[in-house]
Amino acid sequence: MFQEPVLIGRKKEIETLKRVQDSYKSEFIILYGRRRVGKTFLVNQLFDGQFTFRMTALANATTKQQLLNFHTALMGFGPALADLSPPSSWFEAFQLVIKLAEKDKRTRKVIFFDELPWFDTYGADFLSALEHFWNSWASLRNDILLISCGSAASWMINKLIRNKGGLHNRITERILLQPFTLSETEAFLQAKGAEYDRYQLLELYMAMGGVPFYLENVQVNRSVAQNIDRMFFSPTGLLRLEYDSLYQSLFNQSARHIAVVEALAQRPRGLARKELISKAGLSEGGSASAVLNELEHSGFIKPYIPFGKKRRYAIHRLTDAYSLFYLTFVKDSRTQGEGAWLARLNNPQWRAWSGYAFEDICMHHIDPIKKHLGISGVYTEVSPWRSQQAEPAAQIDLLIDRNDRVINICEMKFSVAPYSITKTYAEQLANKIMAFRTETNTRKTLFLTMITAFGLQPNQYSLRLVKDALDMNALFD
């Protein structure tokens, strides 16, 4: 029986897992996403007490060690099989899973392999054995729910989703588990007893994003600034020590992935592919494409296709809040200890970072922005735009191109008080809108939309130029 869990968010994922649990046929589900995002927790919460078999792979283990680990897990679920020797191969191991499942009298047999990529050691033939298990037995039944989790998104996609061998088109559902939104982060911390206001929640999200494991380590009886001090600037802080292991756990030859992330951290507004590859010290070709694809599929970077351009002109941006914060303030910094974060507030480095971080949050929360603009039901395309004219070149980081002949030109400004449009900034905005209309030859109506933390300070310029003004509360919807 499917357990109705008490979980924050994850509504679509829960609906999918409930649907496959109630399915009339066998299902092969893969669940992937970055490390610490809550994949294992979600599956364990939903199917607690219902597993026919479950096991978690060992990191950096040999095939023999993985098979011993399998045998240990098997004894926990099938005591009658405990007298058997550890299997000598994965083909033999899956035969034992079959024996275990055939003894299970429940109408649905839930089989869960966690951290699936770690099983695929050199020469182990794990993937071939998995293919044989599914094609020759599980798929021929109507009562098997096979769930596979993995943090290494590139492996999950290339080896399973894009498999050209025996698992081609065998995956029946795939779930990419994303970090929490601002709304989910608020609900998660409130469930822990936090009483932070939304500005404090925004500040926390800008520093570490919506990764549940990071948020779980927030001490709600301490301020956001104190938590950032403790987690980032303490010598043994969780997020001070997370950075290197984060990428090493996800990617082979992770130095290449780190080089891309660090190149983008230096240029938060993004880089075109050719420039990014050059700055990261990579060689143009398939290996560079693989690195970019792996980072994109894992949620660390995102390509934004400029307005009116094709994908080859995409601008890649670093979208992982934690990595941007760490590389801006923590890496190579000698500042440590209590008060380290408060000492940095409002200095030029903080002002530059907070602007970029707020922009990224806005670009991750397009749906609530559309809702507050009253266009949830309107088809839209989101893109940046940069003038091709001589300096100073106009740049728009967020355009919402609507199917009702309107384009919202979004300006995102972070401040600690209502934002005031000055005469100089008003002239820049007017010139930006004119440049966009002239260079793109668009005939659509252009609406200037301001998205700020505390809203706009009304004045003659805001009243004349701005069609819509949203504050941070819109992002929490």
Foldseek 3Di string as FASTA:
>chain_A
DWDDFDDQDCPVVSVVVVDQQPFQAEAEEEEEAAPLQQPVVVVCRGQPPQALFEFEADAPDDLVVRQVRLLVRLCVNPVVCNVDDRDPALLVSLVSSVVSVVVDPDQAHEYEYEQVVRNPDPPRCNLVSVLCSCPVPRRVGGHYYYYYYHHQLLCCCVCAVVNPPSNDVVHPYYHYRDFDFLQSLVVLVVVVVADDDSVQSLVLCLAANRRPSLSVPDDRVDGSLQSCQQQCFAPPHVLVPVPVVSQVRHDDVSLLLVLLLLLQLVVQLFDQLVVSCVSSVHDPDDVSVSSVVSCVSNPQKDWFAAPPGDSNRTTIHGLGSNSSNCSLQHPPDPQHDPPSRVVPPPDPSNQVSVQSSQVSSCVVQVQLVCVVVVNNVWDWDWHKHWFPDDPPIAIQSIWTHTPVLEIEREDEHEDPEAAEQDPVNLVSVVVNVVRVCVVVVRPGHYAYEYEYAHWHDDDPSCVPHHDYYHHCVSSND
